[in-house]
Protein backbone atom coordinates (compact mmCIF):
# COMPACT_ATOMS: atom_id res chain seq x y z
CA MET A 1 -0.10 0.02 -0.03
CA ALA A 2 1.39 3.57 -0.79
CA PRO A 3 2.26 5.69 2.13
CA ARG A 4 -0.17 8.52 2.92
CA ILE A 5 1.03 11.97 1.98
CA ASP A 6 0.32 13.50 5.30
CA SER A 7 2.34 11.13 7.30
CA SER A 8 5.43 10.62 5.14
CA PRO A 9 7.67 13.49 3.88
CA ASP A 10 8.96 11.61 0.96
CA ALA A 11 5.39 10.71 -0.30
CA LEU A 12 4.54 14.27 0.16
CA ILE A 13 7.70 15.47 -1.79
CA LYS A 14 6.74 13.13 -4.56
CA ASN A 15 3.15 14.40 -4.64
CA TRP A 16 4.48 17.83 -4.79
CA ARG A 17 6.60 17.10 -7.81
CA ALA A 18 4.08 15.25 -9.53
CA LEU A 19 1.79 18.42 -9.49
CA LYS A 20 4.48 20.79 -10.34
CA PRO A 21 5.02 21.31 -14.09
CA ASN A 22 8.30 20.14 -15.57
CA THR A 23 10.48 23.24 -15.14
CA ALA A 24 13.56 21.58 -16.79
CA THR A 25 12.03 21.48 -20.11
CA GLY A 26 9.38 24.26 -19.35
CA ARG A 27 6.69 21.95 -20.63
CA THR A 28 3.32 22.47 -18.75
CA GLY A 29 1.12 20.44 -21.19
CA LEU A 30 -0.67 23.78 -22.08
CA THR A 31 0.25 23.86 -25.65
CA ARG A 32 -1.32 26.01 -28.57
CA ARG A 33 -3.39 23.15 -29.71
CA VAL A 34 -4.66 22.40 -26.35
CA ARG A 35 -5.54 26.08 -25.69
CA PHE A 36 -7.29 26.08 -28.89
CA ALA A 37 -9.27 22.94 -28.30
CA LEU A 38 -10.35 24.08 -24.77
CA ASP A 39 -11.17 27.51 -26.31
CA LEU A 40 -13.71 25.61 -28.80
CA MET A 41 -14.98 23.71 -25.79
CA VAL A 42 -15.79 26.95 -23.73
CA PHE A 43 -16.43 29.71 -26.24
CA GLY A 44 -17.02 27.95 -29.44
CA ASP A 45 -15.93 29.07 -32.90
CA ASP A 46 -16.78 32.33 -34.78
CA SER A 47 -20.17 31.10 -35.78
CA GLY A 48 -20.92 30.32 -31.99
CA LYS A 49 -21.07 26.66 -32.18
CA ARG A 50 -19.65 25.07 -29.14
CA PHE A 51 -17.67 21.91 -29.46
CA SER A 52 -17.75 18.53 -27.65
CA LYS A 53 -14.39 17.33 -26.38
CA ALA A 54 -14.01 14.86 -29.13
CA GLU A 55 -14.87 17.58 -31.72
CA ALA A 56 -12.67 20.03 -30.23
CA ALA A 57 -9.70 17.58 -30.06
CA GLU A 58 -10.34 16.84 -33.94
CA ALA A 59 -10.33 20.36 -34.79
CA ALA A 60 -7.12 21.16 -32.96
CA ARG A 61 -5.76 18.16 -34.57
CA LEU A 62 -5.28 16.26 -31.31
CA THR A 63 -6.73 12.81 -30.52
CA PRO A 64 -9.46 12.74 -27.82
CA ARG A 65 -7.17 10.69 -25.54
CA ALA A 66 -4.40 13.28 -25.76
CA LEU A 67 -7.02 16.11 -24.89
CA ARG A 68 -8.18 13.94 -22.01
CA ALA A 69 -4.46 13.47 -20.86
CA ALA A 70 -3.86 17.25 -21.17
CA LEU A 71 -6.62 17.81 -18.80
CA ASN A 72 -5.17 15.80 -16.13
CA LYS A 73 -2.35 18.08 -16.11
CA PRO A 74 -2.71 20.96 -13.37
CA SER A 75 -1.74 23.83 -15.64
CA VAL A 76 -4.18 22.73 -18.41
CA LEU A 77 -7.17 22.34 -15.81
CA ALA A 78 -6.36 25.79 -14.43
CA TYR A 79 -6.58 27.19 -17.81
CA TYR A 80 -9.74 25.43 -18.56
CA ARG A 81 -11.24 26.57 -15.23
CA SER A 82 -10.20 30.32 -15.75
CA GLN A 83 -11.76 30.14 -19.30
CA VAL A 84 -15.02 28.56 -17.63
CA SER A 85 -15.09 31.48 -15.24
CA ALA A 86 -14.58 34.15 -17.84
CA LEU A 87 -17.33 32.75 -19.81
CA ARG A 88 -19.59 32.62 -16.61
CA GLU A 89 -18.73 36.37 -15.86
CA GLY A 90 -19.32 37.36 -19.37
CA GLU A 91 -22.80 35.89 -19.40
CA ALA A 92 -23.98 37.15 -15.99
CA ALA A 93 -25.15 40.50 -17.43
CA GLN A 94 -27.42 38.67 -20.07
CA ASN A 95 -28.68 36.17 -17.55
CA ILE A 96 -29.54 38.96 -15.30
CA ALA A 97 -31.44 40.71 -18.01
CA THR A 98 -33.33 37.61 -18.76
CA ILE A 99 -34.49 37.24 -15.29
CA ILE A 100 -35.49 40.74 -15.29
CA GLU A 101 -37.66 40.10 -18.38
CA ILE A 102 -39.32 37.47 -16.79
CA ARG A 103 -40.11 39.25 -13.62
CA ASP A 104 -41.52 41.95 -15.56
CA SER A 105 -43.64 39.79 -17.86
CA MET A 106 -47.40 40.69 -17.95
CA THR A 107 -48.20 37.54 -19.58
CA LEU A 108 -47.06 35.77 -16.40
CA LYS A 109 -49.36 37.68 -14.38
CA ALA A 110 -52.52 35.85 -15.66
CA SER A 111 -51.91 32.34 -14.09
CA PRO A 112 -50.62 31.21 -10.73
CA ALA A 113 -47.98 29.41 -12.15
CA GLY A 114 -46.63 32.50 -14.07
CA GLN A 115 -46.88 34.39 -10.80
CA ARG A 116 -44.77 31.57 -9.13
CA VAL A 117 -42.24 31.91 -11.86
CA ARG A 118 -42.16 35.65 -11.44
CA LEU A 119 -41.65 35.30 -7.77
CA GLN A 120 -38.73 32.71 -8.34
CA ALA A 121 -37.19 35.44 -10.88
CA ALA A 122 -37.42 38.05 -8.31
CA SER A 123 -35.80 36.01 -5.49
CA ALA A 124 -33.18 34.96 -8.05
CA LEU A 125 -32.43 38.60 -8.69
CA MET A 126 -32.06 39.16 -4.76
CA GLY A 127 -29.71 36.25 -4.60
CA GLU A 128 -32.17 34.61 -2.20
CA GLY A 129 -32.71 31.10 -3.73
CA GLY A 130 -30.69 29.38 -6.45
CA GLY A 131 -29.94 32.01 -9.25
CA GLY A 132 -28.28 35.09 -8.14
CA ASP A 133 -25.13 33.60 -6.54
CA GLY A 134 -24.29 30.94 -9.29
CA GLY A 135 -25.08 27.81 -7.02
CA GLY A 136 -25.44 26.82 -3.48
CA VAL A 137 -25.27 23.86 -1.18
CA ARG A 138 -28.22 22.63 0.90
CA VAL A 139 -27.73 20.25 3.89
CA ALA A 140 -30.52 18.52 5.60
CA ILE A 141 -30.07 16.60 8.70
CA ASN A 142 -32.73 14.38 10.02
CA VAL A 143 -32.20 12.96 13.65
CA ILE A 144 -33.78 9.86 14.84
CA THR A 145 -33.55 9.45 18.64
CA PRO A 146 -32.90 5.84 19.59
CA GLY A 147 -35.22 4.22 22.07
CA TYR A 148 -37.29 1.31 22.92
CA VAL A 149 -40.57 0.42 20.79
CA ILE A 150 -43.62 -0.45 22.59
CA ASP A 151 -46.04 -2.61 21.03
CA LEU A 152 -49.60 -1.32 22.16
CA THR A 153 -51.75 -3.78 20.07
CA GLU A 154 -54.05 -5.83 21.68
CA PRO A 155 -52.81 -9.53 22.02
CA ALA A 156 -54.42 -12.27 20.13
CA PRO A 157 -57.35 -14.12 21.99
CA THR A 158 -56.15 -17.30 23.56
CA ILE A 159 -58.30 -20.44 23.37
CA GLU A 160 -58.57 -22.20 26.81
CA HIS A 161 -58.12 -25.84 26.91
CA ASP A 162 -57.72 -28.64 29.47
CA ALA A 163 -54.13 -29.91 29.73
CA ARG A 164 -55.11 -33.37 30.58
CA PRO A 165 -53.86 -35.96 28.04
CA MET A 166 -56.51 -37.16 25.39
CA ILE A 167 -57.45 -40.89 25.55
CA PRO A 168 -58.20 -42.46 22.22
CA LEU A 169 -61.69 -43.74 21.65
CA GLU A 170 -61.99 -47.10 19.93
CA VAL A 171 -64.48 -47.14 17.28
CA GLY A 172 -66.74 -50.02 16.42
CA GLY A 173 -66.09 -52.68 19.01
């Protein structure tokens, strides 16, 4: 079994070196082709079409396996996450405008379901429930107190009988 990295200094150093880019050669895995493929996945091309991982790899003249292996490298993953964050921040204004449009819609006032949608849009604008803050975590804890189970049902009726042994009867004699 491999040693735990929190208890072995050698394992900690080995893990640190594995995460660090190869500074001897300057290779981090973030090549022009990998950057191009990641940009196609996140932002799409000039027409606005976003690419799957396999399509982006093909367009960047990489194999899907090479792109998947590159995403395992910390520098490549950090670049991908920064691009996704930039996309999210860039779309925030348009998302807010859409929520405002839904909230102010007069056609949604006609039905109770539409009013509920308008209320959800208003609370999302205020950042109160799933929308304004970009996500969240909810934790529910159910506590069951241990104890005894007492059966309060009526017992089944018992049939009274005599405990004397039975004497067999002779028939026909």
